[in-house]
Protein backbone atom coordinates (compact mmCIF):
# COMPACT_ATOMS: atom_id res chain seq x y z
CA UNK A 1 -24.63 -27.73 38.21
CA UNK A 2 -22.68 -25.91 35.49
CA UNK A 3 -24.08 -25.03 32.16
CA UNK A 4 -21.88 -24.20 29.06
CA UNK A 5 -24.05 -22.38 26.69
CA UNK A 6 -23.66 -22.58 22.87
CA UNK A 7 -21.33 -19.86 21.27
CA UNK A 8 -24.20 -18.42 19.42
CA UNK A 9 -25.91 -17.13 22.63
CA UNK A 10 -24.95 -13.88 24.12
CA UNK A 11 -23.21 -15.35 27.32
CA UNK A 12 -20.49 -18.06 26.72
CA UNK A 13 -20.80 -19.47 30.20
CA UNK A 14 -23.90 -19.41 32.45
CA UNK A 15 -24.07 -21.05 35.88
CA UNK A 16 -27.38 -22.50 36.25
CA UNK A 17 -28.58 -23.62 39.57
CA UNK A 18 -31.93 -25.66 39.18
CA UNK A 19 -31.17 -27.42 42.48
CA UNK A 20 -28.31 -27.35 45.10
CA UNK A 21 -25.25 -27.19 43.34
CA UNK A 22 -22.23 -29.21 44.14
CA UNK A 23 -24.41 -30.74 46.77
CA UNK A 24 -24.26 -33.79 48.87
CA UNK A 25 -27.08 -36.40 48.97
CA UNK A 26 -30.55 -35.23 49.77
CA UNK A 27 -29.25 -31.58 49.81
CA UNK A 28 -32.23 -29.01 49.61
CA UNK A 29 -30.65 -25.63 50.34
CA UNK A 30 -29.36 -23.60 47.42
CA UNK A 31 -26.27 -22.48 49.15
CA UNK A 32 -23.28 -24.18 47.45
CA UNK A 33 -21.05 -24.46 50.43
CA UNK A 34 -23.42 -25.66 53.18
CA UNK A 35 -25.06 -28.92 52.85
CA UNK A 36 -26.25 -31.90 55.08
CA UNK A 37 -24.63 -33.24 58.18
CA UNK A 38 -22.34 -36.26 57.60
CA UNK A 39 -23.83 -39.78 57.81
CA UNK A 40 -21.98 -42.74 58.28
CA UNK A 41 -21.61 -44.98 55.20
CA UNK A 42 -19.70 -48.03 54.24
CA UNK A 43 -16.14 -47.37 53.09
CA UNK A 44 -15.97 -47.04 49.24
CA UNK A 45 -14.11 -49.70 47.17
CA UNK A 46 -11.35 -48.75 44.77
CA UNK A 47 -11.29 -49.89 41.21
CA UNK A 48 -8.99 -49.08 38.22
CA UNK A 49 -10.35 -46.54 35.88
CA UNK A 50 -11.87 -48.64 33.09
CA UNK A 51 -11.35 -46.24 30.12
CA UNK A 52 -9.85 -43.07 28.81
CA UNK A 53 -12.80 -41.05 30.00
CA UNK A 54 -12.43 -42.41 33.62
CA UNK A 55 -8.69 -41.81 33.67
CA UNK A 56 -9.13 -38.30 32.46
CA UNK A 57 -11.72 -37.47 35.00
CA UNK A 58 -9.67 -38.96 37.75
CA UNK A 59 -6.34 -37.27 36.61
CA UNK A 60 -8.10 -33.91 36.40
CA UNK A 61 -9.82 -34.23 39.77
CA UNK A 62 -6.37 -35.04 41.23
CA UNK A 63 -4.62 -32.36 39.49
CA UNK A 64 -7.26 -29.88 41.06
CA UNK A 65 -6.61 -31.29 44.47
CA UNK A 66 -2.85 -30.99 44.15
CA UNK A 67 -3.13 -27.25 43.03
CA UNK A 68 -5.70 -26.39 45.81
CA UNK A 69 -4.85 -22.88 47.35
CA UNK A 70 -4.20 -21.96 49.86
CA UNK A 71 -1.96 -25.07 49.93
CA UNK A 72 -3.55 -27.74 52.23
CA UNK A 73 -1.25 -29.07 54.86
CA UNK A 74 -0.88 -32.10 54.79
CA UNK A 75 -1.50 -32.31 51.14
CA UNK A 76 -4.94 -33.69 49.76
CA UNK A 77 -4.85 -37.45 49.18
CA UNK A 78 -5.49 -38.41 45.64
CA UNK A 79 -8.97 -39.73 44.77
CA UNK A 80 -9.50 -43.25 43.61
CA UNK A 81 -11.94 -44.52 41.15
CA UNK A 82 -15.26 -46.02 42.35
CA UNK A 83 -17.24 -48.45 40.26
CA UNK A 84 -20.20 -48.03 42.59
CA UNK A 85 -20.32 -44.21 42.17
CA UNK A 86 -19.84 -44.52 38.44
CA UNK A 87 -22.81 -46.81 38.33
CA UNK A 88 -24.86 -44.41 40.13
CA UNK A 89 -23.61 -41.61 37.71
CA UNK A 90 -24.25 -43.46 34.62
CA UNK A 91 -27.90 -44.36 35.72
CA UNK A 92 -28.68 -40.78 36.40
CA UNK A 93 -26.96 -39.28 33.33
CA UNK A 94 -29.08 -41.56 31.07
CA UNK A 95 -32.13 -39.92 32.48
CA UNK A 96 -31.05 -36.68 30.79
CA UNK A 97 -32.58 -34.54 33.68
CA UNK A 98 -30.34 -31.62 34.47
CA UNK A 99 -30.83 -31.59 38.16
CA UNK A 100 -29.47 -33.42 41.22
CA UNK A 101 -30.36 -37.02 41.63
CA UNK A 102 -32.79 -37.32 44.55
CA UNK A 103 -31.98 -41.14 45.04
CA UNK A 104 -28.32 -41.03 44.96
CA UNK A 105 -27.90 -42.07 48.46
CA UNK A 106 -24.81 -41.14 50.26
CA UNK A 107 -22.94 -39.51 47.41
CA UNK A 108 -22.00 -36.03 46.80
CA UNK A 109 -22.55 -34.82 43.32
CA UNK A 110 -21.51 -32.44 40.53
CA UNK A 111 -23.17 -31.87 37.33
CA UNK A 112 -22.26 -30.19 34.07
CA UNK A 113 -24.09 -29.67 30.68
CA UNK A 114 -22.82 -28.32 27.29
CA UNK A 115 -23.67 -28.43 23.72
CA UNK A 116 -21.88 -31.19 22.02
CA UNK A 117 -18.17 -30.60 21.39
CA UNK A 118 -18.01 -27.47 23.54
CA UNK A 119 -16.02 -29.28 26.27
CA UNK A 120 -13.62 -31.99 26.56
CA UNK A 121 -13.57 -34.13 29.67
CA UNK A 122 -10.87 -32.04 31.58
CA UNK A 123 -12.69 -28.85 30.86
CA UNK A 124 -15.51 -30.00 32.75
CA UNK A 125 -13.49 -30.51 35.97
CA UNK A 126 -11.53 -27.27 35.19
CA UNK A 127 -14.99 -25.43 35.08
CA UNK A 128 -15.73 -26.62 38.62
CA UNK A 129 -12.22 -25.81 39.80
CA UNK A 130 -12.58 -22.25 38.36
CA UNK A 131 -14.95 -21.54 41.28
CA UNK A 132 -11.84 -21.63 43.51
CA UNK A 133 -11.51 -17.80 42.64
CA UNK A 134 -14.87 -17.19 44.29
CA UNK A 135 -14.28 -19.08 47.43
CA UNK A 136 -12.88 -17.85 50.76
CA UNK A 137 -11.38 -20.70 52.77
CA UNK A 138 -10.86 -18.61 55.80
CA UNK A 139 -14.71 -17.58 56.15
CA UNK A 140 -15.82 -20.76 54.33
CA UNK A 141 -18.04 -18.72 51.98
CA UNK A 142 -18.64 -18.08 48.27
CA UNK A 143 -18.50 -14.46 46.82
CA UNK A 144 -21.75 -12.76 46.81
CA UNK A 145 -23.90 -14.05 43.93
CA UNK A 146 -21.39 -16.75 42.94
CA UNK A 147 -21.34 -20.66 43.34
CA UNK A 148 -18.26 -22.59 44.67
CA UNK A 149 -19.81 -25.82 46.00
CA UNK A 150 -18.42 -27.74 42.87
CA UNK A 151 -14.88 -26.52 43.58
CA UNK A 152 -15.32 -27.40 47.52
CA UNK A 153 -16.42 -31.02 46.78
CA UNK A 154 -13.60 -31.47 44.42
CA UNK A 155 -10.99 -30.64 47.09
CA UNK A 156 -12.90 -31.95 50.02
CA UNK A 157 -10.30 -33.65 52.06
CA UNK A 158 -12.35 -36.44 53.42
CA UNK A 159 -13.71 -37.49 50.08
CA UNK A 160 -11.69 -40.42 48.87
CA UNK A 161 -13.46 -41.84 45.65
CA UNK A 162 -15.17 -40.40 42.60
CA UNK A 163 -17.08 -41.97 39.78
CA UNK A 164 -18.35 -40.21 36.64
CA UNK A 165 -20.39 -40.62 33.46
CA UNK A 166 -21.17 -38.73 30.44
CA UNK A 167 -24.23 -39.10 28.24
CA UNK A 168 -25.28 -37.19 25.08
CA UNK A 169 -28.93 -36.37 25.36
CA UNK A 170 -31.68 -35.54 22.91
CA UNK A 171 -34.33 -34.61 25.36
CA UNK A 172 -34.92 -32.13 28.22
CA UNK A 173 -32.32 -29.76 26.99
CA UNK A 174 -31.30 -27.01 29.53
CA UNK A 175 -30.48 -24.90 26.38
CA UNK A 176 -34.04 -24.86 24.85
CA UNK A 177 -35.63 -26.09 21.70
CA UNK A 178 -33.20 -24.59 19.54
CA UNK A 179 -30.20 -26.90 20.94
CA UNK A 180 -32.07 -30.28 21.41
CA UNK A 181 -28.82 -32.38 21.73
CA UNK A 182 -26.66 -31.85 24.77
CA UNK A 183 -23.89 -33.50 26.78
CA UNK A 184 -24.41 -34.35 30.48
CA UNK A 185 -21.78 -35.19 32.92
CA UNK A 186 -22.58 -36.50 36.31
CA UNK A 187 -19.78 -37.17 39.06
CA UNK A 188 -20.56 -38.87 42.41
CA UNK A 189 -18.31 -38.51 45.27
CA UNK A 190 -17.72 -40.86 48.48
CA UNK A 191 -17.86 -39.92 51.19
CA UNK A 192 -19.74 -36.62 50.24
CA UNK A 193 -18.17 -33.32 50.77
CA UNK A 194 -19.81 -29.98 51.54
CA UNK A 195 -20.88 -30.92 54.93
CA UNK A 196 -22.54 -28.27 57.03
CA UNK A 197 -20.26 -26.35 59.46
CA UNK A 198 -17.12 -27.86 57.89
CA UNK A 199 -14.28 -26.39 55.63
CA UNK A 200 -13.06 -28.62 52.82
CA UNK A 201 -9.57 -28.82 54.34
């Protein structure tokens, strides 16, 4: 999960982890780069991005994958859009609960929250990608006290599909009663990344 606090607060960006961050389905551990064992799942189906939001999300994810460092060999394949993952993300975003969906099935999941207007769509994925600075691929670990599971999910080689949703919420604000309206982004990934004992690529 990633929180972007209002400008009027002392910190401009705070990483909140109310549940496992950048986690695969049914993840219970707080460590961002260690998650569940892989489960077999039906192959996801591709669909064209239905709107500008979906195109921006897909393009920004694929730009992040193309820019992964150290450079993956071979290069990471581009993600495709998944209507099924999108439907799951939309359903959860409408709940306005800033924690991971416990019923998301065999999907990985990244979350973000910000006050309205603070982030445009590409900035959400950029915020996850920025965690690359705190990730050591050789050791497959995050820097002490940092999170990097959002980033590793974005660049997970075996993930082939993504579907995302954004909802403007007026309840359950993670920013408190002074900021009751907030934007909530949910991205679901198939197959899920962050599998225990594996590196993203």
